[in-house]
Every structure is written in C-alpha cells, then in structure tokens.
PDB file of all heavy atoms in Angstrom:
ATOM      1  N   SER A   1      22.618   9.158   6.697  1.00  0.00           N
ATOM      2  CA  SER A   1      22.183   9.577   8.029  1.00  0.00           C
ATOM      3  C   SER A   1      23.423  10.084   8.768  1.00  0.00           C
ATOM      4  O   SER A   1      23.907  11.155   8.500  1.00  0.00           O
ATOM      5  CB  SER A   1      21.476   8.435   8.766  1.00  0.00           C
ATOM      6  OG  SER A   1      22.262   7.265   8.778  1.00  0.00           O
ATOM      7  N   ALA A   2      23.955   9.314   9.663  1.00  0.00           N
ATOM      8  CA  ALA A   2      25.106   9.781  10.434  1.00  0.00           C
ATOM      9  C   ALA A   2      26.379   9.777   9.580  1.00  0.00           C
ATOM     10  O   ALA A   2      26.545   8.961   8.674  1.00  0.00           O
ATOM     11  CB  ALA A   2      25.321   8.897  11.651  1.00  0.00           C
ATOM     12  N   MET A   3      27.260  10.713   9.883  1.00  0.00           N
ATOM     13  CA  MET A   3      28.605  10.726   9.309  1.00  0.00           C
ATOM     14  C   MET A   3      29.594  10.886  10.445  1.00  0.00           C
ATOM     15  O   MET A   3      29.257  11.421  11.505  1.00  0.00           O
ATOM     16  CB  MET A   3      28.772  11.862   8.301  1.00  0.00           C
ATOM     17  CG  MET A   3      27.922  11.692   7.065  1.00  0.00           C
ATOM     18  SD  MET A   3      28.303  12.901   5.778  1.00  0.00           S
ATOM     19  CE  MET A   3      29.907  12.321   5.218  1.00  0.00           C
ATOM     20  N   GLY A   4      30.794  10.407  10.206  1.00  0.00           N
ATOM     21  CA  GLY A   4      31.750  10.471  11.301  1.00  0.00           C
ATOM     22  C   GLY A   4      33.177  10.364  10.850  1.00  0.00           C
ATOM     23  O   GLY A   4      33.465  10.157   9.664  1.00  0.00           O
ATOM     24  N   TRP A   5      34.051  10.540  11.818  1.00  0.00           N
ATOM     25  CA  TRP A   5      35.488  10.386  11.622  1.00  0.00           C
ATOM     26  C   TRP A   5      36.001   9.322  12.573  1.00  0.00           C
ATOM     27  O   TRP A   5      35.625   9.301  13.758  1.00  0.00           O
ATOM     28  CB  TRP A   5      36.214  11.707  11.904  1.00  0.00           C
ATOM     29  CG  TRP A   5      35.999  12.750  10.860  1.00  0.00           C
ATOM     30  CD1 TRP A   5      35.069  13.745  10.876  1.00  0.00           C
ATOM     31  CD2 TRP A   5      36.732  12.896   9.639  1.00  0.00           C
ATOM     32  NE1 TRP A   5      35.181  14.520   9.748  1.00  0.00           N
ATOM     33  CE2 TRP A   5      36.197  14.017   8.972  1.00  0.00           C
ATOM     34  CE3 TRP A   5      37.797  12.212   9.054  1.00  0.00           C
ATOM     35  CZ2 TRP A   5      36.676  14.459   7.744  1.00  0.00           C
ATOM     36  CZ3 TRP A   5      38.272  12.650   7.837  1.00  0.00           C
ATOM     37  CH2 TRP A   5      37.725  13.749   7.198  1.00  0.00           C
ATOM     38  N   TYR A   6      36.840   8.468  12.035  1.00  0.00           N
ATOM     39  CA  TYR A   6      37.533   7.455  12.815  1.00  0.00           C
ATOM     40  C   TYR A   6      39.025   7.606  12.526  1.00  0.00           C
ATOM     41  O   TYR A   6      39.414   8.252  11.543  1.00  0.00           O
ATOM     42  CB  TYR A   6      37.072   6.048  12.422  1.00  0.00           C
ATOM     43  CG  TYR A   6      35.711   5.680  12.951  1.00  0.00           C
ATOM     44  CD1 TYR A   6      34.564   6.286  12.459  1.00  0.00           C
ATOM     45  CD2 TYR A   6      35.565   4.720  13.944  1.00  0.00           C
ATOM     46  CE1 TYR A   6      33.312   5.952  12.953  1.00  0.00           C
ATOM     47  CE2 TYR A   6      34.316   4.371  14.450  1.00  0.00           C
ATOM     48  CZ  TYR A   6      33.198   4.996  13.940  1.00  0.00           C
ATOM     49  OH  TYR A   6      31.970   4.658  14.438  1.00  0.00           O
ATOM     50  N   ARG A   7      39.838   6.992  13.357  1.00  0.00           N
ATOM     51  CA  ARG A   7      41.280   7.015  13.093  1.00  0.00           C
ATOM     52  C   ARG A   7      41.891   5.685  13.477  1.00  0.00           C
ATOM     53  O   ARG A   7      41.367   4.952  14.327  1.00  0.00           O
ATOM     54  CB  ARG A   7      41.952   8.154  13.846  1.00  0.00           C
ATOM     55  CG  ARG A   7      41.985   8.002  15.369  1.00  0.00           C
ATOM     56  CD  ARG A   7      42.594   9.245  16.005  1.00  0.00           C
ATOM     57  NE  ARG A   7      42.749   9.092  17.444  1.00  0.00           N
ATOM     58  CZ  ARG A   7      43.215  10.040  18.242  1.00  0.00           C
ATOM     59  NH1 ARG A   7      43.576  11.230  17.750  1.00  0.00           N
ATOM     60  NH2 ARG A   7      43.328   9.820  19.544  1.00  0.00           N
ATOM     61  N   GLN A   8      43.006   5.393  12.822  1.00  0.00           N
ATOM     62  CA  GLN A   8      43.715   4.157  13.107  1.00  0.00           C
ATOM     63  C   GLN A   8      45.207   4.428  13.098  1.00  0.00           C
ATOM     64  O   GLN A   8      45.765   4.820  12.062  1.00  0.00           O
ATOM     65  CB  GLN A   8      43.362   3.065  12.090  1.00  0.00           C
ATOM     66  CG  GLN A   8      43.940   1.711  12.432  1.00  0.00           C
ATOM     67  CD  GLN A   8      43.335   0.601  11.593  1.00  0.00           C
ATOM     68  OE1 GLN A   8      42.727   0.837  10.551  1.00  0.00           O
ATOM     69  NE2 GLN A   8      43.474  -0.626  12.051  1.00  0.00           N
ATOM     70  N   ALA A   9      45.814   4.229  14.233  1.00  0.00           N
ATOM     71  CA  ALA A   9      47.261   4.370  14.362  1.00  0.00           C
ATOM     72  C   ALA A   9      47.916   3.024  14.087  1.00  0.00           C
ATOM     73  O   ALA A   9      47.273   1.971  14.244  1.00  0.00           O
ATOM     74  CB  ALA A   9      47.612   4.863  15.765  1.00  0.00           C
ATOM     75  N   PRO A  10      49.174   3.019  13.686  1.00  0.00           N
ATOM     76  CA  PRO A  10      49.862   1.753  13.410  1.00  0.00           C
ATOM     77  C   PRO A  10      49.810   0.802  14.590  1.00  0.00           C
ATOM     78  O   PRO A  10      50.097   1.186  15.725  1.00  0.00           O
ATOM     79  CB  PRO A  10      51.297   2.202  13.123  1.00  0.00           C
ATOM     80  CG  PRO A  10      51.172   3.600  12.639  1.00  0.00           C
ATOM     81  CD  PRO A  10      50.037   4.188  13.413  1.00  0.00           C
ATOM     82  N   GLY A  11      49.387  -0.426  14.327  1.00  0.00           N
ATOM     83  CA  GLY A  11      49.343  -1.433  15.374  1.00  0.00           C
ATOM     84  C   GLY A  11      48.162  -1.334  16.309  1.00  0.00           C
ATOM     85  O   GLY A  11      48.071  -2.091  17.271  1.00  0.00           O
ATOM     86  N   LYS A  12      47.257  -0.405  16.014  1.00  0.00           N
ATOM     87  CA  LYS A  12      46.094  -0.216  16.886  1.00  0.00           C
ATOM     88  C   LYS A  12      44.809  -0.399  16.094  1.00  0.00           C
ATOM     89  O   LYS A  12      44.794  -0.331  14.870  1.00  0.00           O
ATOM     90  CB  LYS A  12      46.123   1.162  17.533  1.00  0.00           C
ATOM     91  CG  LYS A  12      47.290   1.372  18.482  1.00  0.00           C
ATOM     92  CD  LYS A  12      47.155   2.682  19.210  1.00  0.00           C
ATOM     93  CE  LYS A  12      48.279   2.867  20.217  1.00  0.00           C
ATOM     94  NZ  LYS A  12      48.146   4.150  20.958  1.00  0.00           N
ATOM     95  N   GLN A  13      43.718  -0.604  16.833  1.00  0.00           N
ATOM     96  CA  GLN A  13      42.422  -0.743  16.194  1.00  0.00           C
ATOM     97  C   GLN A  13      41.878   0.615  15.781  1.00  0.00           C
ATOM     98  O   GLN A  13      42.228   1.654  16.364  1.00  0.00           O
ATOM     99  CB  GLN A  13      41.437  -1.423  17.159  1.00  0.00           C
ATOM    100  CG  GLN A  13      41.719  -2.884  17.414  1.00  0.00           C
ATOM    101  CD  GLN A  13      40.619  -3.555  18.217  1.00  0.00           C
ATOM    102  OE1 GLN A  13      39.937  -2.906  19.010  1.00  0.00           O
ATOM    103  NE2 GLN A  13      40.430  -4.836  18.011  1.00  0.00           N
ATOM    104  N   ARG A  14      41.011   0.582  14.780  1.00  0.00           N
ATOM    105  CA  ARG A  14      40.340   1.811  14.363  1.00  0.00           C
ATOM    106  C   ARG A  14      39.424   2.257  15.495  1.00  0.00           C
ATOM    107  O   ARG A  14      38.717   1.439  16.097  1.00  0.00           O
ATOM    108  CB  ARG A  14      39.535   1.561  13.090  1.00  0.00           C
ATOM    109  CG  ARG A  14      39.051   2.814  12.406  1.00  0.00           C
ATOM    110  CD  ARG A  14      38.415   2.499  11.058  1.00  0.00           C
ATOM    111  NE  ARG A  14      39.384   1.926  10.127  1.00  0.00           N
ATOM    112  CZ  ARG A  14      39.131   1.717   8.846  1.00  0.00           C
ATOM    113  NH1 ARG A  14      37.937   2.037   8.347  1.00  0.00           N
ATOM    114  NH2 ARG A  14      40.043   1.185   8.068  1.00  0.00           N
ATOM    115  N   GLU A  15      39.423   3.562  15.769  1.00  0.00           N
ATOM    116  CA  GLU A  15      38.622   4.068  16.886  1.00  0.00           C
ATOM    117  C   GLU A  15      37.813   5.281  16.450  1.00  0.00           C
ATOM    118  O   GLU A  15      38.220   6.034  15.562  1.00  0.00           O
ATOM    119  CB  GLU A  15      39.522   4.462  18.066  1.00  0.00           C
ATOM    120  CG  GLU A  15      40.516   5.560  17.768  1.00  0.00           C
ATOM    121  CD  GLU A  15      41.337   5.967  18.984  1.00  0.00           C
ATOM    122  OE1 GLU A  15      41.154   5.382  20.066  1.00  0.00           O
ATOM    123  OE2 GLU A  15      42.161   6.883  18.840  1.00  0.00           O
ATOM    124  N   LEU A  16      36.691   5.465  17.118  1.00  0.00           N
ATOM    125  CA  LEU A  16      35.837   6.612  16.851  1.00  0.00           C
ATOM    126  C   LEU A  16      36.519   7.896  17.292  1.00  0.00           C
ATOM    127  O   LEU A  16      37.081   7.978  18.383  1.00  0.00           O
ATOM    128  CB  LEU A  16      34.509   6.467  17.596  1.00  0.00           C
ATOM    129  CG  LEU A  16      33.593   7.690  17.583  1.00  0.00           C
ATOM    130  CD1 LEU A  16      33.007   7.919  16.195  1.00  0.00           C
ATOM    131  CD2 LEU A  16      32.497   7.532  18.624  1.00  0.00           C
ATOM    132  N   VAL A  17      36.427   8.908  16.436  1.00  0.00           N
ATOM    133  CA  VAL A  17      36.865  10.249  16.802  1.00  0.00           C
ATOM    134  C   VAL A  17      35.636  11.099  17.108  1.00  0.00           C
ATOM    135  O   VAL A  17      35.507  11.656  18.187  1.00  0.00           O
ATOM    136  CB  VAL A  17      37.688  10.893  15.675  1.00  0.00           C
ATOM    137  CG1 VAL A  17      38.018  12.343  16.015  1.00  0.00           C
ATOM    138  CG2 VAL A  17      38.956  10.092  15.418  1.00  0.00           C
ATOM    139  N   ALA A  18      34.708  11.171  16.151  1.00  0.00           N
ATOM    140  CA  ALA A  18      33.507  11.981  16.331  1.00  0.00           C
ATOM    141  C   ALA A  18      32.458  11.563  15.304  1.00  0.00           C
ATOM    142  O   ALA A  18      32.791  11.075  14.221  1.00  0.00           O
ATOM    143  CB  ALA A  18      33.813  13.468  16.182  1.00  0.00           C
ATOM    144  N   ARG A  19      31.188  11.783  15.649  1.00  0.00           N
ATOM    145  CA  ARG A  19      30.081  11.516  14.737  1.00  0.00           C
ATOM    146  C   ARG A  19      29.112  12.680  14.805  1.00  0.00           C
ATOM    147  O   ARG A  19      28.991  13.357  15.834  1.00  0.00           O
ATOM    148  CB  ARG A  19      29.336  10.235  15.113  1.00  0.00           C
ATOM    149  CG  ARG A  19      30.131   8.967  14.971  1.00  0.00           C
ATOM    150  CD  ARG A  19      29.250   7.754  15.175  1.00  0.00           C
ATOM    151  NE  ARG A  19      28.385   7.530  14.019  1.00  0.00           N
ATOM    152  CZ  ARG A  19      27.333   6.717  14.055  1.00  0.00           C
ATOM    153  NH1 ARG A  19      26.975   6.119  15.167  1.00  0.00           N
ATOM    154  NH2 ARG A  19      26.628   6.530  12.963  1.00  0.00           N
ATOM    155  N   ILE A  20      28.373  12.868  13.696  1.00  0.00           N
ATOM    156  CA  ILE A  20      27.354  13.901  13.635  1.00  0.00           C
ATOM    157  C   ILE A  20      26.158  13.357  12.876  1.00  0.00           C
ATOM    158  O   ILE A  20      26.304  12.631  11.901  1.00  0.00           O
ATOM    159  CB  ILE A  20      27.903  15.192  12.978  1.00  0.00           C
ATOM    160  CG1 ILE A  20      26.892  16.332  13.086  1.00  0.00           C
ATOM    161  CG2 ILE A  20      28.313  14.947  11.535  1.00  0.00           C
ATOM    162  CD1 ILE A  20      27.486  17.699  12.745  1.00  0.00           C
ATOM    163  N   ILE A  21      24.953  13.676  13.363  1.00  0.00           N
ATOM    164  CA  ILE A  21      23.727  13.213  12.712  1.00  0.00           C
ATOM    165  C   ILE A  21      23.032  14.406  12.073  1.00  0.00           C
ATOM    166  O   ILE A  21      23.371  15.563  12.392  1.00  0.00           O
ATOM    167  CB  ILE A  21      22.807  12.472  13.696  1.00  0.00           C
ATOM    168  CG1 ILE A  21      22.361  13.404  14.817  1.00  0.00           C
ATOM    169  CG2 ILE A  21      23.505  11.249  14.255  1.00  0.00           C
ATOM    170  CD1 ILE A  21      21.345  12.755  15.758  1.00  0.00           C
ATOM    171  N   PRO A  22      22.055  14.173  11.192  1.00  0.00           N
ATOM    172  CA  PRO A  22      21.442  15.290  10.459  1.00  0.00           C
ATOM    173  C   PRO A  22      20.923  16.417  11.338  1.00  0.00           C
ATOM    174  O   PRO A  22      20.963  17.561  10.933  1.00  0.00           O
ATOM    175  CB  PRO A  22      20.309  14.598   9.693  1.00  0.00           C
ATOM    176  CG  PRO A  22      20.825  13.224   9.447  1.00  0.00           C
ATOM    177  CD  PRO A  22      21.585  12.873  10.686  1.00  0.00           C
ATOM    178  N   GLY A  23      20.413  16.136  12.519  1.00  0.00           N
ATOM    179  CA  GLY A  23      19.915  17.201  13.376  1.00  0.00           C
ATOM    180  C   GLY A  23      21.014  18.046  13.990  1.00  0.00           C
ATOM    181  O   GLY A  23      20.735  19.084  14.605  1.00  0.00           O
ATOM    182  N   GLY A  24      22.255  17.599  13.828  1.00  0.00           N
ATOM    183  CA  GLY A  24      23.382  18.364  14.336  1.00  0.00           C
ATOM    184  C   GLY A  24      23.965  17.835  15.625  1.00  0.00           C
ATOM    185  O   GLY A  24      25.000  18.327  16.085  1.00  0.00           O
TER     186      GLY A  24
END
C-alpha cells in the first residue's frame, strides 16, 4: 500500500521525509 522515505541522522531519531499511497 503506502511507500515512503525516512531518514536518520547520527544521534537523532528516524523521521518521516515523505510518503505516497497508490492513488498518488
């Protein structure tokens, strides 16, 4: 279903960058 990108910098929590669902 949904796909997305997350990022994690040193010493920080993983955070959402962007998500996309099948409808766009």
